[in-house]
Structure formats: structure tokens, C-alpha cells
Amino acid sequence: MNAGIIGQAAGLFAVTNIDDIVILALFFAQGAGHLRIVLGQYIGFAGILVVAVAAAFGATFLPEPAVPYLGLLPLALGLKAAWQVWRDRAGDDDDPPVRGGGPKALEVAAVTFANGGDNIGVYVPVFATSGTSGMTVYVVVFLILVAVWCLAGRFFATRPLIAGALSRWGHILLPLVLIGLGVVILVQGGAFGL
């Protein structure tokens, strides 16, 4: 394998997925279910890759005007999480509500896919111009880096200062981040004429 294309793939992944580390840290801070988070991240990212690879070969599964509406996924999950926080709110602000086992794999996958919807537009031309062997290198490097991203998210979620903040405020931050992410995707894509 050419070291140049590996470096390009790593750089492209890092630039297009830097925001995922924050979301992963918030997911990991929710408690148990770490395997589900990693599984969900892989499922969601595999979905992004399937669409990007197919589009690079000329197939289109998702019409471009539909991409902004992917923002509805994190928006809905954020509203669901906010509802859960409101429902479980405790009388004592020092004891944040405890979620039951962390996020489910399909929730993580939905957020990952929705957050990466704009990445598809970046990946398609790169894949299309790199040929089959180059595309294979990109896909392999991306899949390896998903694991690195999961480790980074877990690392940040377990640093004492960050873990303390996430433990105290994560149940509030997660819904806010998901709702914000959904709104940004909808607005930037011009969904609903925004």
C-alpha cells in the first residue's frame, strides 16, 4: 500500500469526523453499553461508506435533496433524551439522573449516519477518482480509524476532569448536542426551506 494514500485517508477521516469525538465522549459518559456504542458507531459509519462507495460507482440510494433531512434523526433522539431527562429529573441537582445502560447501538448508528451525511458528499469524488484499489485503502483506513475514534471518545469520557463534568452535566449536554446537531444539519442543508 502506498503510504501517501494512507496519510490522505487518515487526514480526510480526521477532518470530516472530528466532531464525532465529542458525541462519542458524551455517549460513553452515559454509563454501561460501551460495546453497543462501538457497534453503533461501526454500523453508522458502515452505512456512510456503503452509500459513498455505491455513489462513487454511479448508484444513488439517497437523493441529494434528502440528505439535509438526516438531521431529523439526531433531532428526534435529542428530543427523546431531553424528555427522559425531564421525566427523570431528581429533586436534588447534585445527583444527576441515571440512564438505563447507556445508548442503544441503533441510536448511536443513527446519530453517526446523520452526522456523516455531509461526509458522503466529500467521500464520493475522492472514492470515484481513486479507483478500486485506492477506494479499498480509504475504506480500510476509515474502518481502523473508527476504532481509534471510539478509543478517543472513551479516553475523554474517563479523564477525571472531563468525566466529572460529563457525569454531572452529560445527561443535559447529550440532548442539547443532539438537538443542535440535528438543527445544524437541517439548516445547513436547507431542509424545509430553512
C-alpha atoms as a PDB file:
ATOM      1  CA  MET A   1       0.000   0.000   0.000  1.00  0.00           C
ATOM      2  CA  ASN A   2       1.121   3.493  -0.798  1.00  0.00           C
ATOM      3  CA  ALA A   3       1.943   5.480   2.369  1.00  0.00           C
ATOM      4  CA  GLY A   4       0.738   8.656   0.667  1.00  0.00           C
ATOM      5  CA  ILE A   5      -2.792   7.396   0.169  1.00  0.00           C
ATOM      6  CA  ILE A   6      -2.887   6.051   3.734  1.00  0.00           C
ATOM      7  CA  GLY A   7      -1.924   9.507   5.021  1.00  0.00           C
ATOM      8  CA  GLN A   8      -4.520  11.147   2.785  1.00  0.00           C
ATOM      9  CA  ALA A   9      -7.180   8.726   4.015  1.00  0.00           C
ATOM     10  CA  ALA A  10      -6.255   9.359   7.669  1.00  0.00           C
ATOM     11  CA  GLY A  11      -6.301  13.114   7.134  1.00  0.00           C
ATOM     12  CA  LEU A  12      -9.641  13.026   5.325  1.00  0.00           C
ATOM     13  CA  PHE A  13     -11.172  10.894   8.074  1.00  0.00           C
ATOM     14  CA  ALA A  14      -9.872  13.179  10.830  1.00  0.00           C
ATOM     15  CA  VAL A  15     -11.100  16.355   9.156  1.00  0.00           C
ATOM     16  CA  THR A  16     -14.553  15.001   8.383  1.00  0.00           C
ATOM     17  CA  ASN A  17     -15.128  13.252  11.730  1.00  0.00           C
ATOM     18  CA  ILE A  18     -13.570  15.490  14.398  1.00  0.00           C
ATOM     19  CA  ASP A  19     -16.996  16.333  15.825  1.00  0.00           C
ATOM     20  CA  ASP A  20     -17.703  12.635  16.409  1.00  0.00           C
ATOM     21  CA  ILE A  21     -15.199  12.512  19.273  1.00  0.00           C
ATOM     22  CA  VAL A  22     -17.340  14.892  21.332  1.00  0.00           C
ATOM     23  CA  ILE A  23     -20.500  12.928  20.602  1.00  0.00           C
ATOM     24  CA  LEU A  24     -18.738   9.632  21.392  1.00  0.00           C
ATOM     25  CA  ALA A  25     -17.444  11.031  24.696  1.00  0.00           C
ATOM     26  CA  LEU A  26     -20.994  12.044  25.609  1.00  0.00           C
ATOM     27  CA  PHE A  27     -22.278   8.578  24.700  1.00  0.00           C
ATOM     28  CA  PHE A  28     -19.521   6.851  26.697  1.00  0.00           C
ATOM     29  CA  ALA A  29     -20.245   9.096  29.677  1.00  0.00           C
ATOM     30  CA  GLN A  30     -23.803   7.737  29.791  1.00  0.00           C
ATOM     31  CA  GLY A  31     -22.588   4.607  31.570  1.00  0.00           C
ATOM     32  CA  ALA A  32     -22.690   0.978  30.545  1.00  0.00           C
ATOM     33  CA  GLY A  33     -23.097  -0.205  26.998  1.00  0.00           C
ATOM     34  CA  HIS A  34     -19.637   0.561  25.652  1.00  0.00           C
ATOM     35  CA  LEU A  35     -19.808  -2.350  23.234  1.00  0.00           C
ATOM     36  CA  ARG A  36     -23.134  -1.034  21.948  1.00  0.00           C
ATOM     37  CA  ILE A  37     -21.573   2.379  21.349  1.00  0.00           C
ATOM     38  CA  VAL A  38     -18.689   0.906  19.353  1.00  0.00           C
ATOM     39  CA  LEU A  39     -21.062  -1.384  17.448  1.00  0.00           C
ATOM     40  CA  GLY A  40     -23.393   1.536  16.708  1.00  0.00           C
ATOM     41  CA  GLN A  41     -20.501   3.703  15.546  1.00  0.00           C
ATOM     42  CA  TYR A  42     -19.388   0.948  13.159  1.00  0.00           C
ATOM     43  CA  ILE A  43     -22.922   0.336  11.865  1.00  0.00           C
ATOM     44  CA  GLY A  44     -23.489   4.038  11.248  1.00  0.00           C
ATOM     45  CA  PHE A  45     -20.119   4.566   9.610  1.00  0.00           C
ATOM     46  CA  ALA A  46     -20.514   1.423   7.504  1.00  0.00           C
ATOM     47  CA  GLY A  47     -23.779   2.910   6.242  1.00  0.00           C
ATOM     48  CA  ILE A  48     -21.931   6.083   5.252  1.00  0.00           C
ATOM     49  CA  LEU A  49     -19.283   4.036   3.443  1.00  0.00           C
ATOM     50  CA  VAL A  50     -21.833   1.863   1.621  1.00  0.00           C
ATOM     51  CA  VAL A  51     -23.634   4.923   0.296  1.00  0.00           C
ATOM     52  CA  ALA A  52     -20.371   6.709  -0.629  1.00  0.00           C
ATOM     53  CA  VAL A  53     -18.863   3.663  -2.380  1.00  0.00           C
ATOM     54  CA  ALA A  54     -22.092   2.950  -4.267  1.00  0.00           C
ATOM     55  CA  ALA A  55     -22.376   6.588  -5.302  1.00  0.00           C
ATOM     56  CA  ALA A  56     -18.745   6.555  -6.455  1.00  0.00           C
ATOM     57  CA  PHE A  57     -19.723   3.700  -8.768  1.00  0.00           C
ATOM     58  CA  GLY A  58     -22.699   5.707 -10.012  1.00  0.00           C
ATOM     59  CA  ALA A  59     -25.524   4.394  -7.841  1.00  0.00           C
ATOM     60  CA  THR A  60     -27.569   6.779  -5.754  1.00  0.00           C
ATOM     61  CA  PHE A  61     -29.540   5.447  -2.832  1.00  0.00           C
ATOM     62  CA  LEU A  62     -30.227   8.808  -1.283  1.00  0.00           C
ATOM     63  CA  PRO A  63     -31.217  11.718  -3.492  1.00  0.00           C
ATOM     64  CA  GLU A  64     -29.136  14.782  -2.652  1.00  0.00           C
ATOM     65  CA  PRO A  65     -32.174  16.861  -1.618  1.00  0.00           C
ATOM     66  CA  ALA A  66     -32.947  14.213   1.046  1.00  0.00           C
ATOM     67  CA  VAL A  67     -29.544  14.467   2.797  1.00  0.00           C
ATOM     68  CA  PRO A  68     -30.433  17.540   4.931  1.00  0.00           C
ATOM     69  CA  TYR A  69     -33.421  15.661   6.337  1.00  0.00           C
ATOM     70  CA  LEU A  70     -30.996  13.254   8.018  1.00  0.00           C
ATOM     71  CA  GLY A  71     -30.878  15.989  10.657  1.00  0.00           C
ATOM     72  CA  LEU A  72     -34.252  14.717  11.839  1.00  0.00           C
ATOM     73  CA  LEU A  73     -32.526  11.600  13.289  1.00  0.00           C
ATOM     74  CA  PRO A  74     -30.301  13.318  15.885  1.00  0.00           C
ATOM     75  CA  LEU A  75     -33.031  15.903  16.484  1.00  0.00           C
ATOM     76  CA  ALA A  76     -35.540  13.170  17.351  1.00  0.00           C
ATOM     77  CA  LEU A  77     -33.008  11.301  19.514  1.00  0.00           C
ATOM     78  CA  GLY A  78     -32.088  14.559  21.273  1.00  0.00           C
ATOM     79  CA  LEU A  79     -35.732  15.335  21.972  1.00  0.00           C
ATOM     80  CA  LYS A  80     -36.214  11.795  23.272  1.00  0.00           C
ATOM     81  CA  ALA A  81     -33.175  12.175  25.553  1.00  0.00           C
ATOM     82  CA  ALA A  82     -34.407  15.599  26.737  1.00  0.00           C
ATOM     83  CA  TRP A  83     -37.805  14.081  27.515  1.00  0.00           C
ATOM     84  CA  GLN A  84     -36.054  11.342  29.510  1.00  0.00           C
ATOM     85  CA  VAL A  85     -34.060  13.929  31.484  1.00  0.00           C
ATOM     86  CA  TRP A  86     -37.204  15.922  32.187  1.00  0.00           C
ATOM     87  CA  ARG A  87     -39.122  12.802  33.223  1.00  0.00           C
ATOM     88  CA  ASP A  88     -36.329  11.531  35.461  1.00  0.00           C
ATOM     89  CA  ARG A  89     -35.336  14.860  36.932  1.00  0.00           C
ATOM     90  CA  ALA A  90     -34.379  14.473  40.558  1.00  0.00           C
ATOM     91  CA  GLY A  91     -35.244  16.833  43.366  1.00  0.00           C
ATOM     92  CA  ASP A  92     -31.533  17.153  44.183  1.00  0.00           C
ATOM     93  CA  ASP A  93     -29.391  18.758  41.457  1.00  0.00           C
ATOM     94  CA  ASP A  94     -26.264  17.106  42.889  1.00  0.00           C
ATOM     95  CA  ASP A  95     -27.442  13.665  41.797  1.00  0.00           C
ATOM     96  CA  PRO A  96     -27.992  13.558  38.038  1.00  0.00           C
ATOM     97  CA  PRO A  97     -30.496  11.008  36.820  1.00  0.00           C
ATOM     98  CA  VAL A  98     -29.053   7.638  35.874  1.00  0.00           C
ATOM     99  CA  ARG A  99     -29.865   6.269  32.445  1.00  0.00           C
ATOM    100  CA  GLY A 100     -30.559   2.631  31.957  1.00  0.00           C
ATOM    101  CA  GLY A 101     -27.416   1.175  30.433  1.00  0.00           C
ATOM    102  CA  GLY A 102     -26.391   3.907  28.000  1.00  0.00           C
ATOM    103  CA  PRO A 103     -27.421   4.400  24.403  1.00  0.00           C
ATOM    104  CA  LYS A 104     -28.512   1.560  22.171  1.00  0.00           C
ATOM    105  CA  ALA A 105     -26.404   0.558  19.156  1.00  0.00           C
ATOM    106  CA  LEU A 106     -29.041   1.682  16.647  1.00  0.00           C
ATOM    107  CA  GLU A 107     -29.318   5.086  18.347  1.00  0.00           C
ATOM    108  CA  VAL A 108     -25.568   5.562  18.029  1.00  0.00           C
ATOM    109  CA  ALA A 109     -25.705   4.311  14.433  1.00  0.00           C
ATOM    110  CA  ALA A 110     -28.483   6.755  13.556  1.00  0.00           C
ATOM    111  CA  VAL A 111     -26.581   9.701  15.009  1.00  0.00           C
ATOM    112  CA  THR A 112     -23.350   8.601  13.310  1.00  0.00           C
ATOM    113  CA  PHE A 113     -25.052   8.212   9.936  1.00  0.00           C
ATOM    114  CA  ALA A 114     -26.926  11.502  10.202  1.00  0.00           C
ATOM    115  CA  ASN A 115     -23.827  13.361  11.355  1.00  0.00           C
ATOM    116  CA  GLY A 116     -21.851  11.825   8.479  1.00  0.00           C
ATOM    117  CA  GLY A 117     -24.421  12.549   5.791  1.00  0.00           C
ATOM    118  CA  ASP A 118     -22.403  15.545   4.600  1.00  0.00           C
ATOM    119  CA  ASN A 119     -19.249  13.389   4.614  1.00  0.00           C
ATOM    120  CA  ILE A 120     -20.761  11.332   1.805  1.00  0.00           C
ATOM    121  CA  GLY A 121     -20.536  14.362  -0.465  1.00  0.00           C
ATOM    122  CA  VAL A 122     -16.826  14.643   0.330  1.00  0.00           C
ATOM    123  CA  TYR A 123     -16.072  10.920   0.063  1.00  0.00           C
ATOM    124  CA  VAL A 124     -17.807  10.254  -3.267  1.00  0.00           C
ATOM    125  CA  PRO A 125     -15.499  12.311  -5.519  1.00  0.00           C
ATOM    126  CA  VAL A 126     -12.420  11.103  -3.624  1.00  0.00           C
ATOM    127  CA  PHE A 127     -13.524   7.478  -3.982  1.00  0.00           C
ATOM    128  CA  ALA A 128     -14.529   7.922  -7.620  1.00  0.00           C
ATOM    129  CA  THR A 129     -11.130   9.332  -8.578  1.00  0.00           C
ATOM    130  CA  SER A 130      -9.011   6.932  -6.527  1.00  0.00           C
ATOM    131  CA  GLY A 131     -10.015   3.746  -8.361  1.00  0.00           C
ATOM    132  CA  THR A 132     -10.976   0.449  -6.785  1.00  0.00           C
ATOM    133  CA  SER A 133      -7.628  -0.190  -5.082  1.00  0.00           C
ATOM    134  CA  GLY A 134      -7.422   3.353  -3.737  1.00  0.00           C
ATOM    135  CA  MET A 135     -11.023   3.200  -2.553  1.00  0.00           C
ATOM    136  CA  THR A 136     -10.223  -0.042  -0.730  1.00  0.00           C
ATOM    137  CA  VAL A 137      -7.344   1.667   1.087  1.00  0.00           C
ATOM    138  CA  TYR A 138      -9.624   4.545   2.104  1.00  0.00           C
ATOM    139  CA  VAL A 139     -12.281   2.168   3.412  1.00  0.00           C
ATOM    140  CA  VAL A 140      -9.794   0.049   5.397  1.00  0.00           C
ATOM    141  CA  VAL A 141      -8.105   3.124   6.904  1.00  0.00           C
ATOM    142  CA  PHE A 142     -11.500   4.642   7.764  1.00  0.00           C
ATOM    143  CA  LEU A 143     -12.655   1.461   9.481  1.00  0.00           C
ATOM    144  CA  ILE A 144      -9.446   1.280  11.524  1.00  0.00           C
ATOM    145  CA  LEU A 145      -9.818   4.927  12.489  1.00  0.00           C
ATOM    146  CA  VAL A 146     -13.390   4.360  13.689  1.00  0.00           C
ATOM    147  CA  ALA A 147     -11.849   2.202  16.427  1.00  0.00           C
ATOM    148  CA  VAL A 148      -9.319   4.940  17.198  1.00  0.00           C
ATOM    149  CA  TRP A 149     -12.163   7.473  17.402  1.00  0.00           C
ATOM    150  CA  CYS A 150     -14.057   5.197  19.792  1.00  0.00           C
ATOM    151  CA  LEU A 151     -10.957   4.867  21.969  1.00  0.00           C
ATOM    152  CA  ALA A 152     -10.500   8.655  21.933  1.00  0.00           C
ATOM    153  CA  GLY A 153     -14.128   9.211  22.919  1.00  0.00           C
ATOM    154  CA  ARG A 154     -13.788   6.681  25.722  1.00  0.00           C
ATOM    155  CA  PHE A 155     -10.480   8.264  26.789  1.00  0.00           C
ATOM    156  CA  PHE A 156     -12.020  11.729  27.064  1.00  0.00           C
ATOM    157  CA  ALA A 157     -15.061  10.366  28.898  1.00  0.00           C
ATOM    158  CA  THR A 158     -12.786   8.783  31.532  1.00  0.00           C
ATOM    159  CA  ARG A 159     -10.405  11.704  32.231  1.00  0.00           C
ATOM    160  CA  PRO A 160     -11.169  12.814  35.803  1.00  0.00           C
ATOM    161  CA  LEU A 161     -11.914  16.448  34.982  1.00  0.00           C
ATOM    162  CA  ILE A 162     -13.911  15.656  31.848  1.00  0.00           C
ATOM    163  CA  ALA A 163     -15.564  12.602  33.404  1.00  0.00           C
ATOM    164  CA  GLY A 164     -16.672  14.684  36.378  1.00  0.00           C
ATOM    165  CA  ALA A 165     -18.188  17.330  34.115  1.00  0.00           C
ATOM    166  CA  LEU A 166     -19.830  14.720  31.893  1.00  0.00           C
ATOM    167  CA  SER A 167     -21.125  12.834  34.920  1.00  0.00           C
ATOM    168  CA  ARG A 168     -22.668  15.990  36.307  1.00  0.00           C
ATOM    169  CA  TRP A 169     -23.846  17.588  33.060  1.00  0.00           C
ATOM    170  CA  GLY A 170     -23.714  14.862  30.394  1.00  0.00           C
ATOM    171  CA  HIS A 171     -27.377  13.967  30.788  1.00  0.00           C
ATOM    172  CA  ILE A 172     -28.176  17.593  29.858  1.00  0.00           C
ATOM    173  CA  LEU A 173     -25.400  18.059  27.277  1.00  0.00           C
ATOM    174  CA  LEU A 174     -26.242  14.968  25.228  1.00  0.00           C
ATOM    175  CA  PRO A 175     -29.786  16.091  24.344  1.00  0.00           C
ATOM    176  CA  LEU A 176     -28.531  19.628  23.650  1.00  0.00           C
ATOM    177  CA  VAL A 177     -25.727  18.403  21.384  1.00  0.00           C
ATOM    178  CA  LEU A 178     -28.044  16.024  19.503  1.00  0.00           C
ATOM    179  CA  ILE A 179     -30.746  18.657  19.073  1.00  0.00           C
ATOM    180  CA  GLY A 180     -28.145  21.218  17.995  1.00  0.00           C
ATOM    181  CA  LEU A 181     -26.587  18.757  15.567  1.00  0.00           C
ATOM    182  CA  GLY A 182     -29.987  17.974  14.064  1.00  0.00           C
ATOM    183  CA  VAL A 183     -30.843  21.660  13.681  1.00  0.00           C
ATOM    184  CA  VAL A 184     -27.459  22.452  12.108  1.00  0.00           C
ATOM    185  CA  ILE A 185     -27.821  19.620   9.586  1.00  0.00           C
ATOM    186  CA  LEU A 186     -31.351  20.743   8.711  1.00  0.00           C
ATOM    187  CA  VAL A 187     -30.448  24.442   8.410  1.00  0.00           C
ATOM    188  CA  GLN A 188     -27.160  23.998   6.539  1.00  0.00           C
ATOM    189  CA  GLY A 189     -28.848  21.672   4.083  1.00  0.00           C
ATOM    190  CA  GLY A 190     -31.813  23.984   3.560  1.00  0.00           C
ATOM    191  CA  ALA A 191     -34.378  21.425   4.741  1.00  0.00           C
ATOM    192  CA  PHE A 192     -37.926  22.729   4.992  1.00  0.00           C
ATOM    193  CA  GLY A 193     -36.820  25.882   3.172  1.00  0.00           C
ATOM    194  CA  LEU A 194     -34.649  26.999   6.116  1.00  0.00           C
END
